[in-house]
Amino acid sequence: MNTPETPNAWIIYRLLPNFQRLPVAQFRSRSEAESSLKVIRQMLPNTELILAFEVGPENQTTELNQPPAKEPNLPTSANRELLKLFIISSRPVVSRVIHSFHRDNFACVSDWSPLVPTQNPGEVMSVLIKHLAADS
């Protein structure tokens, strides 16, 4: 998951008491965010979730006039496929699996969403959204 400081991002938040919110996952496109929100709502039906578009602190006028920067070494969108991984278990198990993916060079620990409690006691979830090269 990208850092919350990323400008112009769609973020799924879990609503908490006292008007607090906890980021669950962050996306660059609205369609990815909406489809993930639908899956998360099915998995956590009793959890209040919202989708928000966050604008970064930078001067957005100059940013809108410039073409978006391309990420290095990523396949074009025509040959990229979206992968969404959800890990739901106890906090130690979720952390162990995330670190295992990191050791295997599949995804950095920072790519995963923060651990979010589910409606089941002692259970948390984390989300990874990753683009992979599609097989031809």
Protein backbone atom coordinates (compact mmCIF):
# COMPACT_ATOMS: atom_id res chain seq x y z
CA MET A 1 0.00 0.00 0.00
CA ASN A 2 1.18 3.48 -0.76
CA THR A 3 1.70 5.95 2.03
CA PRO A 4 -1.29 8.12 2.97
CA GLU A 5 0.69 11.20 1.87
CA THR A 6 0.38 10.16 -1.77
CA PRO A 7 -1.48 12.93 -3.61
CA ASN A 8 -4.79 12.18 -5.30
CA ALA A 9 -5.56 8.73 -3.94
CA TRP A 10 -8.77 6.78 -3.39
CA ILE A 11 -8.71 5.44 0.15
CA ILE A 12 -11.01 2.95 1.87
CA TYR A 13 -11.46 3.88 5.52
CA ARG A 14 -12.98 1.90 8.36
CA LEU A 15 -15.12 4.21 10.50
CA LEU A 16 -14.33 4.12 14.21
CA PRO A 17 -16.03 5.73 17.22
CA ASN A 18 -15.59 9.47 17.90
CA PHE A 19 -15.34 10.37 14.20
CA GLN A 20 -12.05 8.54 13.79
CA ARG A 21 -11.17 6.58 10.68
CA LEU A 22 -8.60 3.90 9.94
CA PRO A 23 -7.14 3.54 6.41
CA VAL A 24 -7.65 0.03 5.05
CA ALA A 25 -6.36 0.31 1.48
CA GLN A 26 -5.31 2.96 -1.02
CA PHE A 27 -5.73 3.00 -4.81
CA ARG A 28 -4.83 5.17 -7.77
CA SER A 29 -8.07 4.56 -9.65
CA ARG A 30 -11.66 4.79 -8.53
CA SER A 31 -12.68 1.56 -10.25
CA GLU A 32 -10.04 -0.47 -8.36
CA ALA A 33 -11.11 1.16 -5.10
CA GLU A 34 -14.82 0.49 -5.68
CA SER A 35 -14.30 -3.16 -6.62
CA SER A 36 -12.09 -3.71 -3.56
CA LEU A 37 -14.60 -1.95 -1.32
CA LYS A 38 -17.29 -4.32 -2.56
CA VAL A 39 -15.15 -7.37 -1.69
CA ILE A 40 -14.20 -5.99 1.73
CA ARG A 41 -17.86 -5.24 2.52
CA GLN A 42 -18.77 -8.83 1.66
CA MET A 43 -16.01 -10.11 3.93
CA LEU A 44 -16.81 -7.69 6.77
CA PRO A 45 -20.56 -7.08 6.54
CA ASN A 46 -20.89 -5.47 9.99
CA THR A 47 -18.04 -2.99 9.50
CA GLU A 48 -18.69 0.62 8.49
CA LEU A 49 -16.48 1.50 5.52
CA ILE A 50 -16.28 4.57 3.33
CA LEU A 51 -14.43 5.45 0.14
CA ALA A 52 -12.78 8.87 0.02
CA PHE A 53 -10.76 10.76 -2.55
CA GLU A 54 -7.82 12.38 -0.81
CA VAL A 55 -6.01 15.30 -2.40
CA GLY A 56 -2.36 15.68 -1.47
CA PRO A 57 -0.86 18.82 0.04
CA GLU A 58 1.00 19.87 -3.10
CA ASN A 59 -0.15 22.56 -5.51
CA GLN A 60 -2.67 20.64 -7.56
CA THR A 61 -2.87 23.25 -10.37
CA THR A 62 0.66 22.57 -11.60
CA GLU A 63 0.22 18.85 -11.11
CA LEU A 64 -2.89 18.78 -13.31
CA ASN A 65 -1.06 20.49 -16.17
CA GLN A 66 1.70 17.89 -16.25
CA PRO A 67 1.32 14.38 -17.64
CA PRO A 68 1.39 11.70 -14.93
CA ALA A 69 4.82 10.29 -14.23
CA LYS A 70 5.27 6.68 -15.28
CA GLU A 71 6.51 4.19 -12.75
CA PRO A 72 9.82 2.63 -13.77
CA ASN A 73 9.94 -0.92 -15.13
CA LEU A 74 6.19 -1.53 -14.96
CA PRO A 75 4.48 -3.23 -17.86
CA THR A 76 1.98 -1.13 -19.78
CA SER A 77 -1.61 -1.30 -18.59
CA ALA A 78 -2.47 -3.49 -21.59
CA ASN A 79 -0.33 -6.32 -20.23
CA ARG A 80 -0.90 -5.77 -16.52
CA GLU A 81 -3.28 -7.67 -14.33
CA LEU A 82 -4.58 -6.58 -10.95
CA LEU A 83 -4.01 -8.94 -8.02
CA LYS A 84 -5.81 -8.39 -4.70
CA LEU A 85 -4.73 -10.37 -1.66
CA PHE A 86 -6.62 -10.33 1.63
CA ILE A 87 -5.12 -11.95 4.72
CA ILE A 88 -7.50 -12.50 7.62
CA SER A 89 -6.33 -14.20 10.81
CA SER A 90 -4.85 -13.36 14.19
CA ARG A 91 -2.41 -10.45 14.36
CA PRO A 92 0.70 -12.70 14.71
CA VAL A 93 -0.29 -14.91 11.77
CA VAL A 94 -1.08 -11.99 9.46
CA SER A 95 2.23 -10.31 10.37
CA ARG A 96 4.14 -13.56 9.83
CA VAL A 97 2.61 -14.08 6.36
CA ILE A 98 3.30 -10.46 5.33
CA HIS A 99 6.95 -10.81 6.41
CA SER A 100 7.18 -14.14 4.59
CA PHE A 101 6.03 -12.46 1.35
CA HIS A 102 8.67 -9.77 2.00
CA ARG A 103 11.46 -12.35 2.48
CA ASP A 104 10.37 -14.03 -0.77
CA ASN A 105 10.61 -10.64 -2.56
CA PHE A 106 6.94 -10.76 -3.53
CA ALA A 107 5.81 -7.59 -1.72
CA CYS A 108 7.36 -5.14 0.71
CA VAL A 109 5.88 -4.94 4.18
CA SER A 110 4.97 -1.30 3.47
CA ASP A 111 2.89 -2.36 0.42
CA TRP A 112 0.26 -3.91 2.70
CA SER A 113 -2.53 -1.96 4.34
CA PRO A 114 -2.40 -1.43 8.10
CA LEU A 115 -3.80 -4.29 10.17
CA VAL A 116 -7.53 -3.64 10.54
CA PRO A 117 -9.64 -5.42 13.18
CA THR A 118 -12.54 -7.44 11.80
CA GLN A 119 -15.87 -8.02 13.53
CA ASN A 120 -14.48 -11.26 15.03
CA PRO A 121 -12.56 -10.84 18.31
CA GLY A 122 -8.81 -11.28 17.96
CA GLU A 123 -8.95 -11.24 14.16
CA VAL A 124 -7.33 -8.66 11.85
CA MET A 125 -7.04 -8.24 8.10
CA SER A 126 -4.58 -6.67 5.70
CA VAL A 127 -4.90 -6.00 1.97
CA LEU A 128 -2.32 -5.98 -0.83
CA ILE A 129 -3.08 -4.58 -4.27
CA LYS A 130 -0.43 -5.40 -6.83
CA HIS A 131 -0.10 -5.18 -10.59
CA LEU A 132 1.49 -8.19 -12.25
CA ALA A 133 2.53 -8.76 -15.83
CA ALA A 134 -0.22 -10.72 -17.60
CA ASP A 135 0.78 -13.88 -19.40
CA SER A 136 0.47 -13.70 -23.16
